[in-house]
Amino acid sequence: VGVAIQMAKGLITDSEPDLGDNDT
């Protein structure tokens, strides 16, 4: 659900979606 919301937000606002944390 969070990914779907962020993807939709990115499409609507032309901003990069926040798809979670990434680290090593």
PDB file of all heavy atoms in Angstrom:
ATOM      1  N   VAL A   1       0.846  -1.198   0.000  1.00  0.00           N
ATOM      2  CA  VAL A   1       0.000   0.000   0.000  1.00  0.00           C
ATOM      3  C   VAL A   1       0.879   1.245   0.000  1.00  0.00           C
ATOM      4  O   VAL A   1       0.653   2.190  -0.755  1.00  0.00           O
ATOM      5  CB  VAL A   1      -0.971   0.002   1.201  1.00  0.00           C
ATOM      6  CG1 VAL A   1      -1.711   1.318   1.291  1.00  0.00           C
ATOM      7  CG2 VAL A   1      -1.951  -1.155   1.088  1.00  0.00           C
ATOM      8  N   GLY A   2       1.919   1.244   0.836  1.00  0.00           N
ATOM      9  CA  GLY A   2       2.830   2.389   0.900  1.00  0.00           C
ATOM     10  C   GLY A   2       3.522   2.640  -0.424  1.00  0.00           C
ATOM     11  O   GLY A   2       3.666   3.791  -0.862  1.00  0.00           O
ATOM     12  N   VAL A   3       3.956   1.574  -1.093  1.00  0.00           N
ATOM     13  CA  VAL A   3       4.601   1.719  -2.403  1.00  0.00           C
ATOM     14  C   VAL A   3       3.610   2.276  -3.411  1.00  0.00           C
ATOM     15  O   VAL A   3       3.934   3.187  -4.179  1.00  0.00           O
ATOM     16  CB  VAL A   3       5.182   0.366  -2.889  1.00  0.00           C
ATOM     17  CG1 VAL A   3       5.585   0.437  -4.354  1.00  0.00           C
ATOM     18  CG2 VAL A   3       6.380  -0.041  -2.033  1.00  0.00           C
ATOM     19  N   ALA A   4       2.388   1.757  -3.421  1.00  0.00           N
ATOM     20  CA  ALA A   4       1.374   2.242  -4.367  1.00  0.00           C
ATOM     21  C   ALA A   4       1.092   3.727  -4.152  1.00  0.00           C
ATOM     22  O   ALA A   4       0.995   4.501  -5.118  1.00  0.00           O
ATOM     23  CB  ALA A   4       0.090   1.432  -4.216  1.00  0.00           C
ATOM     24  N   ILE A   5       0.984   4.131  -2.897  1.00  0.00           N
ATOM     25  CA  ILE A   5       0.728   5.553  -2.596  1.00  0.00           C
ATOM     26  C   ILE A   5       1.892   6.408  -3.061  1.00  0.00           C
ATOM     27  O   ILE A   5       1.702   7.455  -3.690  1.00  0.00           O
ATOM     28  CB  ILE A   5       0.456   5.753  -1.089  1.00  0.00           C
ATOM     29  CG1 ILE A   5      -0.902   5.128  -0.730  1.00  0.00           C
ATOM     30  CG2 ILE A   5       0.513   7.224  -0.695  1.00  0.00           C
ATOM     31  CD1 ILE A   5      -1.166   5.040   0.763  1.00  0.00           C
ATOM     32  N   GLN A   6       3.117   5.969  -2.754  1.00  0.00           N
ATOM     33  CA  GLN A   6       4.297   6.742  -3.146  1.00  0.00           C
ATOM     34  C   GLN A   6       4.446   6.817  -4.668  1.00  0.00           C
ATOM     35  O   GLN A   6       4.823   7.862  -5.209  1.00  0.00           O
ATOM     36  CB  GLN A   6       5.561   6.157  -2.512  1.00  0.00           C
ATOM     37  CG  GLN A   6       5.673   6.415  -1.027  1.00  0.00           C
ATOM     38  CD  GLN A   6       5.784   7.903  -0.723  1.00  0.00           C
ATOM     39  OE1 GLN A   6       6.460   8.663  -1.421  1.00  0.00           O
ATOM     40  NE2 GLN A   6       5.103   8.334   0.325  1.00  0.00           N
ATOM     41  N   MET A   7       4.147   5.726  -5.367  1.00  0.00           N
ATOM     42  CA  MET A   7       4.226   5.738  -6.835  1.00  0.00           C
ATOM     43  C   MET A   7       3.192   6.706  -7.409  1.00  0.00           C
ATOM     44  O   MET A   7       3.499   7.480  -8.320  1.00  0.00           O
ATOM     45  CB  MET A   7       4.018   4.322  -7.390  1.00  0.00           C
ATOM     46  CG  MET A   7       5.143   3.360  -7.042  1.00  0.00           C
ATOM     47  SD  MET A   7       6.732   3.825  -7.727  1.00  0.00           S
ATOM     48  CE  MET A   7       6.492   3.403  -9.425  1.00  0.00           C
ATOM     49  N   ALA A   8       1.983   6.647  -6.885  1.00  0.00           N
ATOM     50  CA  ALA A   8       0.933   7.567  -7.348  1.00  0.00           C
ATOM     51  C   ALA A   8       1.327   9.013  -7.054  1.00  0.00           C
ATOM     52  O   ALA A   8       1.171   9.893  -7.911  1.00  0.00           O
ATOM     53  CB  ALA A   8      -0.401   7.230  -6.680  1.00  0.00           C
ATOM     54  N   LYS A   9       1.853   9.250  -5.880  1.00  0.00           N
ATOM     55  CA  LYS A   9       2.301  10.595  -5.499  1.00  0.00           C
ATOM     56  C   LYS A   9       3.388  11.077  -6.470  1.00  0.00           C
ATOM     57  O   LYS A   9       3.370  12.229  -6.910  1.00  0.00           O
ATOM     58  CB  LYS A   9       2.842  10.567  -4.068  1.00  0.00           C
ATOM     59  CG  LYS A   9       3.365  11.889  -3.567  1.00  0.00           C
ATOM     60  CD  LYS A   9       3.879  11.730  -2.133  1.00  0.00           C
ATOM     61  CE  LYS A   9       4.663  12.940  -1.702  1.00  0.00           C
ATOM     62  NZ  LYS A   9       5.249  12.755  -0.371  1.00  0.00           N
ATOM     63  N   GLY A  10       4.311  10.192  -6.815  1.00  0.00           N
ATOM     64  CA  GLY A  10       5.377  10.549  -7.749  1.00  0.00           C
ATOM     65  C   GLY A  10       4.843  10.877  -9.134  1.00  0.00           C
ATOM     66  O   GLY A  10       5.321  11.805  -9.787  1.00  0.00           O
ATOM     67  N   LEU A  11       3.841  10.127  -9.577  1.00  0.00           N
ATOM     68  CA  LEU A  11       3.253  10.390 -10.894  1.00  0.00           C
ATOM     69  C   LEU A  11       2.483  11.703 -10.916  1.00  0.00           C
ATOM     70  O   LEU A  11       2.531  12.458 -11.887  1.00  0.00           O
ATOM     71  CB  LEU A  11       2.321   9.240 -11.299  1.00  0.00           C
ATOM     72  CG  LEU A  11       3.009   7.928 -11.645  1.00  0.00           C
ATOM     73  CD1 LEU A  11       1.981   6.814 -11.790  1.00  0.00           C
ATOM     74  CD2 LEU A  11       3.833   8.070 -12.917  1.00  0.00           C
ATOM     75  N   ILE A  12       1.757  11.974  -9.849  1.00  0.00           N
ATOM     76  CA  ILE A  12       0.926  13.176  -9.792  1.00  0.00           C
ATOM     77  C   ILE A  12       1.759  14.439  -9.613  1.00  0.00           C
ATOM     78  O   ILE A  12       1.505  15.455 -10.247  1.00  0.00           O
ATOM     79  CB  ILE A  12      -0.120  13.055  -8.649  1.00  0.00           C
ATOM     80  CG1 ILE A  12      -1.122  11.946  -8.992  1.00  0.00           C
ATOM     81  CG2 ILE A  12      -0.827  14.367  -8.411  1.00  0.00           C
ATOM     82  CD1 ILE A  12      -2.011  11.549  -7.833  1.00  0.00           C
ATOM     83  N   THR A  13       2.771  14.360  -8.754  1.00  0.00           N
ATOM     84  CA  THR A  13       3.539  15.566  -8.421  1.00  0.00           C
ATOM     85  C   THR A  13       4.868  15.682  -9.164  1.00  0.00           C
ATOM     86  O   THR A  13       5.580  16.658  -8.990  1.00  0.00           O
ATOM     87  CB  THR A  13       3.842  15.597  -6.909  1.00  0.00           C
ATOM     88  OG1 THR A  13       4.712  14.492  -6.589  1.00  0.00           O
ATOM     89  CG2 THR A  13       2.581  15.537  -6.082  1.00  0.00           C
ATOM     90  N   ASP A  14       5.217  14.699  -9.971  1.00  0.00           N
ATOM     91  CA  ASP A  14       6.511  14.659 -10.662  1.00  0.00           C
ATOM     92  C   ASP A  14       7.684  14.680  -9.678  1.00  0.00           C
ATOM     93  O   ASP A  14       8.788  15.106 -10.015  1.00  0.00           O
ATOM     94  CB  ASP A  14       6.662  15.824 -11.653  1.00  0.00           C
ATOM     95  CG  ASP A  14       5.854  15.591 -12.915  1.00  0.00           C
ATOM     96  OD1 ASP A  14       5.633  14.413 -13.268  1.00  0.00           O
ATOM     97  OD2 ASP A  14       5.454  16.590 -13.544  1.00  0.00           O
ATOM     98  N   SER A  15       7.446  14.233  -8.453  1.00  0.00           N
ATOM     99  CA  SER A  15       8.537  14.149  -7.475  1.00  0.00           C
ATOM    100  C   SER A  15       8.952  12.687  -7.336  1.00  0.00           C
ATOM    101  O   SER A  15       8.211  11.769  -7.690  1.00  0.00           O
ATOM    102  CB  SER A  15       8.095  14.705  -6.126  1.00  0.00           C
ATOM    103  OG  SER A  15       7.046  13.928  -5.594  1.00  0.00           O
ATOM    104  N   GLU A  16      10.154  12.474  -6.821  1.00  0.00           N
ATOM    105  CA  GLU A  16      10.650  11.113  -6.641  1.00  0.00           C
ATOM    106  C   GLU A  16       9.923  10.453  -5.471  1.00  0.00           C
ATOM    107  O   GLU A  16       9.868  11.018  -4.378  1.00  0.00           O
ATOM    108  CB  GLU A  16      12.156  11.149  -6.373  1.00  0.00           C
ATOM    109  CG  GLU A  16      12.780   9.775  -6.347  1.00  0.00           C
ATOM    110  CD  GLU A  16      14.292   9.838  -6.242  1.00  0.00           C
ATOM    111  OE1 GLU A  16      14.911  10.728  -6.841  1.00  0.00           O
ATOM    112  OE2 GLU A  16      14.844   8.970  -5.538  1.00  0.00           O
ATOM    113  N   PRO A  17       9.371   9.245  -5.692  1.00  0.00           N
ATOM    114  CA  PRO A  17       8.655   8.578  -4.609  1.00  0.00           C
ATOM    115  C   PRO A  17       9.616   8.092  -3.528  1.00  0.00           C
ATOM    116  O   PRO A  17      10.755   7.738  -3.807  1.00  0.00           O
ATOM    117  CB  PRO A  17       7.962   7.400  -5.294  1.00  0.00           C
ATOM    118  CG  PRO A  17       8.704   7.175  -6.550  1.00  0.00           C
ATOM    119  CD  PRO A  17       9.320   8.493  -6.937  1.00  0.00           C
ATOM    120  N   ASP A  18       9.175   8.076  -2.275  1.00  0.00           N
ATOM    121  CA  ASP A  18       9.937   7.535  -1.158  1.00  0.00           C
ATOM    122  C   ASP A  18       9.554   6.062  -1.027  1.00  0.00           C
ATOM    123  O   ASP A  18       8.495   5.730  -0.512  1.00  0.00           O
ATOM    124  CB  ASP A  18       9.606   8.298   0.133  1.00  0.00           C
ATOM    125  CG  ASP A  18      10.348   7.733   1.333  1.00  0.00           C
ATOM    126  OD1 ASP A  18      11.215   6.852   1.170  1.00  0.00           O
ATOM    127  OD2 ASP A  18      10.062   8.203   2.457  1.00  0.00           O
ATOM    128  N   LEU A  19      10.429   5.165  -1.507  1.00  0.00           N
ATOM    129  CA  LEU A  19      10.112   3.751  -1.528  1.00  0.00           C
ATOM    130  C   LEU A  19      10.796   2.991  -0.406  1.00  0.00           C
ATOM    131  O   LEU A  19      10.966   1.775  -0.478  1.00  0.00           O
ATOM    132  CB  LEU A  19      10.470   3.152  -2.886  1.00  0.00           C
ATOM    133  CG  LEU A  19       9.689   3.752  -4.050  1.00  0.00           C
ATOM    134  CD1 LEU A  19      10.145   3.148  -5.362  1.00  0.00           C
ATOM    135  CD2 LEU A  19       8.204   3.554  -3.866  1.00  0.00           C
ATOM    136  N   GLY A  20      11.211   3.673   0.639  1.00  0.00           N
ATOM    137  CA  GLY A  20      11.787   2.982   1.793  1.00  0.00           C
ATOM    138  C   GLY A  20      13.253   3.310   1.975  1.00  0.00           C
ATOM    139  O   GLY A  20      13.861   4.015   1.188  1.00  0.00           O
ATOM    140  N   ASP A  21      13.813   2.740   3.049  1.00  0.00           N
ATOM    141  CA  ASP A  21      15.204   2.995   3.390  1.00  0.00           C
ATOM    142  C   ASP A  21      16.113   1.989   2.706  1.00  0.00           C
ATOM    143  O   ASP A  21      15.770   0.816   2.534  1.00  0.00           O
ATOM    144  CB  ASP A  21      15.396   2.869   4.908  1.00  0.00           C
ATOM    145  CG  ASP A  21      14.673   3.971   5.663  1.00  0.00           C
ATOM    146  OD1 ASP A  21      14.549   5.072   5.100  1.00  0.00           O
ATOM    147  OD2 ASP A  21      14.236   3.718   6.785  1.00  0.00           O
ATOM    148  N   ASN A  22      17.305   2.454   2.343  1.00  0.00           N
ATOM    149  CA  ASN A  22      18.320   1.610   1.738  1.00  0.00           C
ATOM    150  C   ASN A  22      19.640   1.914   2.426  1.00  0.00           C
ATOM    151  O   ASN A  22      19.981   3.077   2.621  1.00  0.00           O
ATOM    152  CB  ASN A  22      18.411   1.898   0.237  1.00  0.00           C
ATOM    153  CG  ASN A  22      19.529   1.122  -0.420  1.00  0.00           C
ATOM    154  OD1 ASN A  22      20.665   1.565  -0.458  1.00  0.00           O
ATOM    155  ND2 ASN A  22      19.205  -0.053  -0.917  1.00  0.00           N
ATOM    156  N   ASP A  23      20.370   0.862   2.815  1.00  0.00           N
ATOM    157  CA  ASP A  23      21.642   1.069   3.475  1.00  0.00           C
ATOM    158  C   ASP A  23      22.458  -0.214   3.388  1.00  0.00           C
ATOM    159  O   ASP A  23      21.954  -1.266   2.979  1.00  0.00           O
ATOM    160  CB  ASP A  23      21.421   1.440   4.945  1.00  0.00           C
ATOM    161  CG  ASP A  23      22.577   2.250   5.529  1.00  0.00           C
ATOM    162  OD1 ASP A  23      23.636   2.347   4.873  1.00  0.00           O
ATOM    163  OD2 ASP A  23      22.415   2.774   6.630  1.00  0.00           O
ATOM    164  N   THR A  24      23.721  -0.135   3.773  1.00  0.00           N
ATOM    165  CA  THR A  24      24.596  -1.295   3.822  1.00  0.00           C
ATOM    166  C   THR A  24      25.033  -1.510   5.262  1.00  0.00           C
ATOM    167  O   THR A  24      25.400  -0.560   5.957  1.00  0.00           O
ATOM    168  CB  THR A  24      25.831  -1.095   2.918  1.00  0.00           C
ATOM    169  OG1 THR A  24      25.371  -0.914   1.576  1.00  0.00           O
ATOM    170  CG2 THR A  24      26.752  -2.297   2.968  1.00  0.00           C
TER     171      THR A  24
END
